[in-house]
């Protein structure tokens, strides 16, 4: 996965969600993504793997990747809403 894709997705969702839980989630995941990238550079690993960072680091990094999947889910919600609005308009 391209790291720029997650960044672009996060910023696009940030402009779409301006308030409420979803906006806080998107902003929090953008911050977590920036922190995870910095940590990955310092720890010399990109994808979570037990041999690279050990079991405690693996467990923590898997959570970050799972929560980043929430951004993809929010993107699907926005696309579904856009499709349903287009169907109602016609």
PDB file of N, CA and C in Angstrom:
ATOM      1  N   UNK A   1       0.842  -1.168   0.000  1.00  0.00           N
ATOM      2  CA  UNK A   1       0.000   0.000   0.000  1.00  0.00           C
ATOM      3  C   UNK A   1       0.889   1.233   0.000  1.00  0.00           C
ATOM      4  N   UNK A   2       0.529   2.154  -0.809  1.00  0.00           N
ATOM      5  CA  UNK A   2       1.270   3.405  -0.900  1.00  0.00           C
ATOM      6  C   UNK A   2       0.905   4.283   0.297  1.00  0.00           C
ATOM      7  N   UNK A   3       1.911   4.821   0.962  1.00  0.00           N
ATOM      8  CA  UNK A   3       1.658   5.636   2.149  1.00  0.00           C
ATOM      9  C   UNK A   3       0.983   6.950   1.796  1.00  0.00           C
ATOM     10  N   UNK A   4       1.212   7.423   0.588  1.00  0.00           N
ATOM     11  CA  UNK A   4       0.543   8.636   0.144  1.00  0.00           C
ATOM     12  C   UNK A   4      -0.958   8.450  -0.020  1.00  0.00           C
ATOM     13  N   UNK A   5      -1.382   7.233  -0.333  1.00  0.00           N
ATOM     14  CA  UNK A   5      -2.806   6.949  -0.510  1.00  0.00           C
ATOM     15  C   UNK A   5      -3.550   7.161   0.804  1.00  0.00           C
ATOM     16  N   UNK A   6      -2.990   6.662   1.886  1.00  0.00           N
ATOM     17  CA  UNK A   6      -3.632   6.833   3.187  1.00  0.00           C
ATOM     18  C   UNK A   6      -3.659   8.311   3.568  1.00  0.00           C
ATOM     19  N   UNK A   7      -2.585   9.011   3.288  1.00  0.00           N
ATOM     20  CA  UNK A   7      -2.522  10.436   3.607  1.00  0.00           C
ATOM     21  C   UNK A   7      -3.555  11.222   2.810  1.00  0.00           C
ATOM     22  N   UNK A   8      -3.636  10.967   1.512  1.00  0.00           N
ATOM     23  CA  UNK A   8      -4.628  11.664   0.675  1.00  0.00           C
ATOM     24  C   UNK A   8      -6.047  11.327   1.108  1.00  0.00           C
ATOM     25  N   UNK A   9      -6.285  10.060   1.418  1.00  0.00           N
ATOM     26  CA  UNK A   9      -7.610   9.646   1.871  1.00  0.00           C
ATOM     27  C   UNK A   9      -7.974  10.362   3.161  1.00  0.00           C
ATOM     28  N   UNK A  10      -7.041  10.441   4.081  1.00  0.00           N
ATOM     29  CA  UNK A  10      -7.305  11.115   5.345  1.00  0.00           C
ATOM     30  C   UNK A  10      -7.619  12.588   5.162  1.00  0.00           C
ATOM     31  N   UNK A  11      -6.858  13.274   4.305  1.00  0.00           N
ATOM     32  CA  UNK A  11      -7.118  14.694   4.089  1.00  0.00           C
ATOM     33  C   UNK A  11      -8.417  14.925   3.323  1.00  0.00           C
ATOM     34  N   UNK A  12      -8.765  14.015   2.406  1.00  0.00           N
ATOM     35  CA  UNK A  12     -10.040  14.158   1.701  1.00  0.00           C
ATOM     36  C   UNK A  12     -11.203  13.954   2.672  1.00  0.00           C
ATOM     37  N   UNK A  13     -11.096  12.959   3.547  1.00  0.00           N
ATOM     38  CA  UNK A  13     -12.151  12.731   4.530  1.00  0.00           C
ATOM     39  C   UNK A  13     -12.208  13.868   5.549  1.00  0.00           C
ATOM     40  N   UNK A  14     -11.053  14.463   5.820  1.00  0.00           N
ATOM     41  CA  UNK A  14     -11.006  15.585   6.766  1.00  0.00           C
ATOM     42  C   UNK A  14     -11.802  16.771   6.232  1.00  0.00           C
ATOM     43  N   UNK A  15     -11.768  16.985   4.926  1.00  0.00           N
ATOM     44  CA  UNK A  15     -12.547  18.083   4.357  1.00  0.00           C
ATOM     45  C   UNK A  15     -14.033  17.725   4.269  1.00  0.00           C
ATOM     46  N   UNK A  16     -14.356  16.444   4.224  1.00  0.00           N
ATOM     47  CA  UNK A  16     -15.752  16.021   4.132  1.00  0.00           C
ATOM     48  C   UNK A  16     -16.427  16.050   5.499  1.00  0.00           C
ATOM     49  N   UNK A  17     -15.759  15.503   6.519  1.00  0.00           N
ATOM     50  CA  UNK A  17     -16.305  15.474   7.874  1.00  0.00           C
ATOM     51  C   UNK A  17     -15.763  16.671   8.640  1.00  0.00           C
ATOM     52  N   UNK A  18     -16.645  17.579   9.008  1.00  0.00           N
ATOM     53  CA  UNK A  18     -16.197  18.793   9.691  1.00  0.00           C
ATOM     54  C   UNK A  18     -16.572  18.815  11.162  1.00  0.00           C
ATOM     55  N   UNK A  19     -17.376  17.894  11.610  1.00  0.00           N
ATOM     56  CA  UNK A  19     -17.773  17.878  13.012  1.00  0.00           C
ATOM     57  C   UNK A  19     -18.211  16.496  13.444  1.00  0.00           C
ATOM     58  N   UNK A  20     -18.270  16.312  14.725  1.00  0.00           N
ATOM     59  CA  UNK A  20     -18.751  15.056  15.270  1.00  0.00           C
ATOM     60  C   UNK A  20     -17.665  14.004  15.429  1.00  0.00           C
ATOM     61  N   UNK A  21     -18.109  12.797  15.698  1.00  0.00           N
ATOM     62  CA  UNK A  21     -17.188  11.703  15.952  1.00  0.00           C
ATOM     63  C   UNK A  21     -16.318  11.391  14.748  1.00  0.00           C
ATOM     64  N   UNK A  22     -16.918  11.394  13.564  1.00  0.00           N
ATOM     65  CA  UNK A  22     -16.159  11.036  12.363  1.00  0.00           C
ATOM     66  C   UNK A  22     -15.012  12.012  12.123  1.00  0.00           C
ATOM     67  N   UNK A  23     -15.235  13.289  12.352  1.00  0.00           N
ATOM     68  CA  UNK A  23     -14.162  14.273  12.179  1.00  0.00           C
ATOM     69  C   UNK A  23     -13.055  14.040  13.191  1.00  0.00           C
ATOM     70  N   UNK A  24     -13.421  13.750  14.423  1.00  0.00           N
ATOM     71  CA  UNK A  24     -12.409  13.453  15.433  1.00  0.00           C
ATOM     72  C   UNK A  24     -11.636  12.188  15.107  1.00  0.00           C
ATOM     73  N   UNK A  25     -12.340  11.193  14.588  1.00  0.00           N
ATOM     74  CA  UNK A  25     -11.682   9.938  14.215  1.00  0.00           C
ATOM     75  C   UNK A  25     -10.687  10.168  13.087  1.00  0.00           C
ATOM     76  N   UNK A  26     -11.099  10.900  12.072  1.00  0.00           N
ATOM     77  CA  UNK A  26     -10.219  11.161  10.930  1.00  0.00           C
ATOM     78  C   UNK A  26      -9.000  11.962  11.373  1.00  0.00           C
ATOM     79  N   UNK A  27      -9.205  13.001  12.171  1.00  0.00           N
ATOM     80  CA  UNK A  27      -8.080  13.804  12.649  1.00  0.00           C
ATOM     81  C   UNK A  27      -7.151  12.979  13.535  1.00  0.00           C
ATOM     82  N   UNK A  28      -7.726  12.150  14.391  1.00  0.00           N
ATOM     83  CA  UNK A  28      -6.913  11.293  15.244  1.00  0.00           C
ATOM     84  C   UNK A  28      -6.103  10.281  14.450  1.00  0.00           C
ATOM     85  N   UNK A  29      -6.695   9.731  13.407  1.00  0.00           N
ATOM     86  CA  UNK A  29      -5.967   8.753  12.601  1.00  0.00           C
ATOM     87  C   UNK A  29      -4.896   9.408  11.738  1.00  0.00           C
ATOM     88  N   UNK A  30      -5.120  10.642  11.316  1.00  0.00           N
ATOM     89  CA  UNK A  30      -4.058  11.356  10.600  1.00  0.00           C
ATOM     90  C   UNK A  30      -2.867  11.604  11.529  1.00  0.00           C
ATOM     91  N   UNK A  31      -3.152  11.976  12.770  1.00  0.00           N
ATOM     92  CA  UNK A  31      -2.074  12.181  13.739  1.00  0.00           C
ATOM     93  C   UNK A  31      -1.377  10.868  14.066  1.00  0.00           C
ATOM     94  N   UNK A  32      -2.155   9.799  14.244  1.00  0.00           N
ATOM     95  CA  UNK A  32      -1.558   8.493  14.528  1.00  0.00           C
ATOM     96  C   UNK A  32      -0.727   8.007  13.352  1.00  0.00           C
ATOM     97  N   UNK A  33      -1.183   8.285  12.135  1.00  0.00           N
ATOM     98  CA  UNK A  33      -0.451   7.891  10.940  1.00  0.00           C
ATOM     99  C   UNK A  33       0.893   8.609  10.862  1.00  0.00           C
ATOM    100  N   UNK A  34       0.897   9.908  11.171  1.00  0.00           N
ATOM    101  CA  UNK A  34       2.153  10.665  11.160  1.00  0.00           C
ATOM    102  C   UNK A  34       3.101  10.131  12.230  1.00  0.00           C
ATOM    103  N   UNK A  35       2.579   9.845  13.413  1.00  0.00           N
ATOM    104  CA  UNK A  35       3.404   9.279  14.473  1.00  0.00           C
ATOM    105  C   UNK A  35       3.917   7.893  14.136  1.00  0.00           C
ATOM    106  N   UNK A  36       3.075   7.080  13.520  1.00  0.00           N
ATOM    107  CA  UNK A  36       3.494   5.728  13.142  1.00  0.00           C
ATOM    108  C   UNK A  36       4.577   5.763  12.071  1.00  0.00           C
ATOM    109  N   UNK A  37       4.454   6.685  11.115  1.00  0.00           N
ATOM    110  CA  UNK A  37       5.492   6.801  10.096  1.00  0.00           C
ATOM    111  C   UNK A  37       6.832   7.210  10.707  1.00  0.00           C
ATOM    112  N   UNK A  38       6.794   8.142  11.649  1.00  0.00           N
ATOM    113  CA  UNK A  38       8.035   8.549  12.318  1.00  0.00           C
ATOM    114  C   UNK A  38       8.627   7.385  13.103  1.00  0.00           C
ATOM    115  N   UNK A  39       7.782   6.651  13.795  1.00  0.00           N
ATOM    116  CA  UNK A  39       8.255   5.497  14.556  1.00  0.00           C
ATOM    117  C   UNK A  39       8.824   4.426  13.639  1.00  0.00           C
ATOM    118  N   UNK A  40       8.167   4.207  12.514  1.00  0.00           N
ATOM    119  CA  UNK A  40       8.648   3.199  11.570  1.00  0.00           C
ATOM    120  C   UNK A  40      10.030   3.566  11.026  1.00  0.00           C
ATOM    121  N   UNK A  41      10.256   4.843  10.812  1.00  0.00           N
ATOM    122  CA  UNK A  41      11.568   5.265  10.327  1.00  0.00           C
ATOM    123  C   UNK A  41      12.650   5.051  11.383  1.00  0.00           C
ATOM    124  N   UNK A  42      12.330   5.357  12.633  1.00  0.00           N
ATOM    125  CA  UNK A  42      13.315   5.194  13.701  1.00  0.00           C
ATOM    126  C   UNK A  42      13.562   3.731  14.049  1.00  0.00           C
ATOM    127  N   UNK A  43      12.531   2.909  13.961  1.00  0.00           N
ATOM    128  CA  UNK A  43      12.658   1.505  14.352  1.00  0.00           C
ATOM    129  C   UNK A  43      13.075   0.617  13.182  1.00  0.00           C
ATOM    130  N   UNK A  44      13.187   1.196  11.974  1.00  0.00           N
ATOM    131  CA  UNK A  44      13.647   0.473  10.793  1.00  0.00           C
ATOM    132  C   UNK A  44      12.709  -0.658  10.390  1.00  0.00           C
ATOM    133  N   UNK A  45      11.427  -0.398  10.423  1.00  0.00           N
ATOM    134  CA  UNK A  45      10.440  -1.351   9.927  1.00  0.00           C
ATOM    135  C   UNK A  45       9.259  -0.573   9.394  1.00  0.00           C
ATOM    136  N   UNK A  46       8.559  -1.177   8.466  1.00  0.00           N
ATOM    137  CA  UNK A  46       7.402  -0.511   7.875  1.00  0.00           C
ATOM    138  C   UNK A  46       6.144  -1.308   8.153  1.00  0.00           C
ATOM    139  N   UNK A  47       6.130  -2.569   7.793  1.00  0.00           N
ATOM    140  CA  UNK A  47       4.985  -3.409   8.085  1.00  0.00           C
ATOM    141  C   UNK A  47       5.223  -4.147   9.392  1.00  0.00           C
ATOM    142  N   UNK A  48       4.186  -4.327  10.189  1.00  0.00           N
ATOM    143  CA  UNK A  48       4.380  -5.013  11.462  1.00  0.00           C
ATOM    144  C   UNK A  48       4.785  -6.467  11.243  1.00  0.00           C
ATOM    145  N   UNK A  49       5.867  -6.838  11.869  1.00  0.00           N
ATOM    146  CA  UNK A  49       6.361  -8.209  11.773  1.00  0.00           C
ATOM    147  C   UNK A  49       7.049  -8.540  13.089  1.00  0.00           C
ATOM    148  N   UNK A  50       6.807  -9.706  13.609  1.00  0.00           N
ATOM    149  CA  UNK A  50       7.293 -10.074  14.936  1.00  0.00           C
ATOM    150  C   UNK A  50       8.814 -10.039  14.998  1.00  0.00           C
ATOM    151  N   UNK A  51       9.482 -10.447  13.960  1.00  0.00           N
ATOM    152  CA  UNK A  51      10.947 -10.503  13.997  1.00  0.00           C
ATOM    153  C   UNK A  51      11.575  -9.115  14.027  1.00  0.00           C
ATOM    154  N   UNK A  52      10.894  -8.129  13.479  1.00  0.00           N
ATOM    155  CA  UNK A  52      11.458  -6.788  13.428  1.00  0.00           C
ATOM    156  C   UNK A  52      11.338  -6.041  14.751  1.00  0.00           C
ATOM    157  N   UNK A  53      10.176  -6.094  15.366  1.00  0.00           N
ATOM    158  CA  UNK A  53       9.891  -5.212  16.493  1.00  0.00           C
ATOM    159  C   UNK A  53       9.512  -5.987  17.754  1.00  0.00           C
ATOM    160  N   UNK A  54       9.358  -7.277  17.674  1.00  0.00           N
ATOM    161  CA  UNK A  54       8.984  -8.084  18.834  1.00  0.00           C
ATOM    162  C   UNK A  54       7.473  -8.144  19.009  1.00  0.00           C
ATOM    163  N   UNK A  55       7.039  -8.998  19.934  1.00  0.00           N
ATOM    164  CA  UNK A  55       5.598  -9.174  20.146  1.00  0.00           C
ATOM    165  C   UNK A  55       4.894  -7.921  20.653  1.00  0.00           C
ATOM    166  N   UNK A  56       5.446  -7.197  21.633  1.00  0.00           N
ATOM    167  CA  UNK A  56       4.723  -5.988  22.092  1.00  0.00           C
ATOM    168  C   UNK A  56       4.590  -4.936  20.987  1.00  0.00           C
ATOM    169  N   UNK A  57       5.626  -4.721  20.219  1.00  0.00           N
ATOM    170  CA  UNK A  57       5.552  -3.759  19.130  1.00  0.00           C
ATOM    171  C   UNK A  57       4.620  -4.215  18.029  1.00  0.00           C
ATOM    172  N   UNK A  58       4.598  -5.510  17.778  1.00  0.00           N
ATOM    173  CA  UNK A  58       3.700  -6.062  16.766  1.00  0.00           C
ATOM    174  C   UNK A  58       2.251  -5.840  17.165  1.00  0.00           C
ATOM    175  N   UNK A  59       1.936  -6.100  18.427  1.00  0.00           N
ATOM    176  CA  UNK A  59       0.565  -5.922  18.894  1.00  0.00           C
ATOM    177  C   UNK A  59       0.126  -4.467  18.789  1.00  0.00           C
ATOM    178  N   UNK A  60       1.005  -3.549  19.129  1.00  0.00           N
ATOM    179  CA  UNK A  60       0.652  -2.131  19.053  1.00  0.00           C
ATOM    180  C   UNK A  60       0.509  -1.668  17.607  1.00  0.00           C
ATOM    181  N   UNK A  61       1.379  -2.140  16.721  1.00  0.00           N
ATOM    182  CA  UNK A  61       1.321  -1.673  15.337  1.00  0.00           C
ATOM    183  C   UNK A  61       0.128  -2.258  14.594  1.00  0.00           C
ATOM    184  N   UNK A  62      -0.286  -3.444  14.948  1.00  0.00           N
ATOM    185  CA  UNK A  62      -1.466  -4.019  14.303  1.00  0.00           C
ATOM    186  C   UNK A  62      -2.698  -3.176  14.612  1.00  0.00           C
ATOM    187  N   UNK A  63      -2.783  -2.651  15.827  1.00  0.00           N
ATOM    188  CA  UNK A  63      -3.921  -1.797  16.164  1.00  0.00           C
ATOM    189  C   UNK A  63      -3.953  -0.543  15.293  1.00  0.00           C
ATOM    190  N   UNK A  64      -2.799   0.050  15.050  1.00  0.00           N
ATOM    191  CA  UNK A  64      -2.755   1.242  14.194  1.00  0.00           C
ATOM    192  C   UNK A  64      -3.245   0.893  12.794  1.00  0.00           C
ATOM    193  N   UNK A  65      -2.790  -0.224  12.253  1.00  0.00           N
ATOM    194  CA  UNK A  65      -3.211  -0.607  10.906  1.00  0.00           C
ATOM    195  C   UNK A  65      -4.706  -0.922  10.861  1.00  0.00           C
ATOM    196  N   UNK A  66      -5.234  -1.530  11.922  1.00  0.00           N
ATOM    197  CA  UNK A  66      -6.670  -1.820  11.954  1.00  0.00           C
ATOM    198  C   UNK A  66      -7.486  -0.531  11.997  1.00  0.00           C
ATOM    199  N   UNK A  67      -7.060   0.416  12.818  1.00  0.00           N
ATOM    200  CA  UNK A  67      -7.794   1.677  12.893  1.00  0.00           C
ATOM    201  C   UNK A  67      -7.652   2.489  11.611  1.00  0.00           C
ATOM    202  N   UNK A  68      -6.540   2.353  10.904  1.00  0.00           N
ATOM    203  CA  UNK A  68      -6.426   3.008   9.599  1.00  0.00           C
ATOM    204  C   UNK A  68      -7.422   2.421   8.615  1.00  0.00           C
ATOM    205  N   UNK A  69      -7.768   1.163   8.794  1.00  0.00           N
ATOM    206  CA  UNK A  69      -8.816   0.558   7.974  1.00  0.00           C
ATOM    207  C   UNK A  69     -10.154   1.240   8.184  1.00  0.00           C
ATOM    208  N   UNK A  70     -10.333   1.877   9.342  1.00  0.00           N
ATOM    209  CA  UNK A  70     -11.549   2.649   9.582  1.00  0.00           C
ATOM    210  C   UNK A  70     -11.687   3.820   8.632  1.00  0.00           C
ATOM    211  N   UNK A  71     -10.560   4.376   8.187  1.00  0.00           N
ATOM    212  CA  UNK A  71     -10.622   5.445   7.191  1.00  0.00           C
ATOM    213  C   UNK A  71     -11.191   4.925   5.876  1.00  0.00           C
ATOM    214  N   UNK A  72     -10.807   3.730   5.509  1.00  0.00           N
ATOM    215  CA  UNK A  72     -11.339   3.118   4.281  1.00  0.00           C
ATOM    216  C   UNK A  72     -12.840   2.888   4.433  1.00  0.00           C
ATOM    217  N   UNK A  73     -13.262   2.493   5.628  1.00  0.00           N
ATOM    218  CA  UNK A  73     -14.683   2.292   5.882  1.00  0.00           C
ATOM    219  C   UNK A  73     -15.451   3.614   5.789  1.00  0.00           C
ATOM    220  N   UNK A  74     -14.894   4.672   6.357  1.00  0.00           N
ATOM    221  CA  UNK A  74     -15.537   5.978   6.244  1.00  0.00           C
ATOM    222  C   UNK A  74     -15.612   6.441   4.793  1.00  0.00           C
ATOM    223  N   UNK A  75     -14.600   6.130   4.016  1.00  0.00           N
ATOM    224  CA  UNK A  75     -14.613   6.473   2.596  1.00  0.00           C
ATOM    225  C   UNK A  75     -15.742   5.735   1.894  1.00  0.00           C
ATOM    226  N   UNK A  76     -15.931   4.469   2.244  1.00  0.00           N
ATOM    227  CA  UNK A  76     -17.035   3.713   1.657  1.00  0.00           C
ATOM    228  C   UNK A  76     -18.391   4.296   2.027  1.00  0.00           C
ATOM    229  N   UNK A  77     -18.509   4.781   3.254  1.00  0.00           N
ATOM    230  CA  UNK A  77     -19.759   5.398   3.689  1.00  0.00           C
ATOM    231  C   UNK A  77     -20.033   6.662   2.891  1.00  0.00           C
ATOM    232  N   UNK A  78     -19.011   7.489   2.697  1.00  0.00           N
ATOM    233  CA  UNK A  78     -19.218   8.726   1.940  1.00  0.00           C
ATOM    234  C   UNK A  78     -19.558   8.428   0.488  1.00  0.00           C
ATOM    235  N   UNK A  79     -18.928   7.416  -0.093  1.00  0.00           N
ATOM    236  CA  UNK A  79     -19.240   7.062  -1.487  1.00  0.00           C
ATOM    237  C   UNK A  79     -20.663   6.521  -1.605  1.00  0.00           C
ATOM    238  N   UNK A  80     -21.089   5.718  -0.635  1.00  0.00           N
ATOM    239  CA  UNK A  80     -22.443   5.179  -0.652  1.00  0.00           C
ATOM    240  C   UNK A  80     -23.467   6.302  -0.505  1.00  0.00           C
ATOM    241  N   UNK A  81     -23.178   7.277   0.370  1.00  0.00           N
ATOM    242  CA  UNK A  81     -24.083   8.412   0.523  1.00  0.00           C
ATOM    243  C   UNK A  81     -24.166   9.222  -0.764  1.00  0.00           C
ATOM    244  N   UNK A  82     -23.036   9.397  -1.430  1.00  0.00           N
ATOM    245  CA  UNK A  82     -23.038  10.152  -2.686  1.00  0.00           C
ATOM    246  C   UNK A  82     -23.850   9.421  -3.750  1.00  0.00           C
ATOM    247  N   UNK A  83     -23.740   8.103  -3.793  1.00  0.00           N
ATOM    248  CA  UNK A  83     -24.517   7.336  -4.769  1.00  0.00           C
ATOM    249  C   UNK A  83     -26.005   7.409  -4.472  1.00  0.00           C
ATOM    250  N   UNK A  84     -26.376   7.330  -3.181  1.00  0.00           N
ATOM    251  CA  UNK A  84     -27.794   7.386  -2.861  1.00  0.00           C
ATOM    252  C   UNK A  84     -28.376   8.768  -3.135  1.00  0.00           C
ATOM    253  N   UNK A  85     -27.577   9.841  -2.952  1.00  0.00           N
ATOM    254  CA  UNK A  85     -28.058  11.176  -3.291  1.00  0.00           C
ATOM    255  C   UNK A  85     -28.233  11.327  -4.796  1.00  0.00           C
ATOM    256  N   UNK A  86     -27.338  10.710  -5.580  1.00  0.00           N
ATOM    257  CA  UNK A  86     -27.487  10.761  -7.031  1.00  0.00           C
ATOM    258  C   UNK A  86     -28.721  10.009  -7.491  1.00  0.00           C
ATOM    259  N   UNK A  87     -29.031   8.887  -6.830  1.00  0.00           N
ATOM    260  CA  UNK A  87     -30.225   8.120  -7.187  1.00  0.00           C
ATOM    261  C   UNK A  87     -31.490   8.893  -6.855  1.00  0.00           C
ATOM    262  N   UNK A  88     -31.477   9.623  -5.751  1.00  0.00           N
ATOM    263  CA  UNK A  88     -32.652  10.400  -5.355  1.00  0.00           C
ATOM    264  C   UNK A  88     -32.845  11.598  -6.254  1.00  0.00           C
ATOM    265  N   UNK A  89     -31.764  12.128  -6.808  1.00  0.00           N
ATOM    266  CA  UNK A  89     -31.858  13.317  -7.662  1.00  0.00           C
ATOM    267  C   UNK A  89     -32.444  12.987  -9.024  1.00  0.00           C
ATOM    268  N   UNK A  90     -32.285  11.740  -9.469  1.00  0.00           N
ATOM    269  CA  UNK A  90     -32.788  11.390 -10.803  1.00  0.00           C
ATOM    270  C   UNK A  90     -34.174  10.806 -10.752  1.00  0.00           C
TER     271      UNK A  90
END
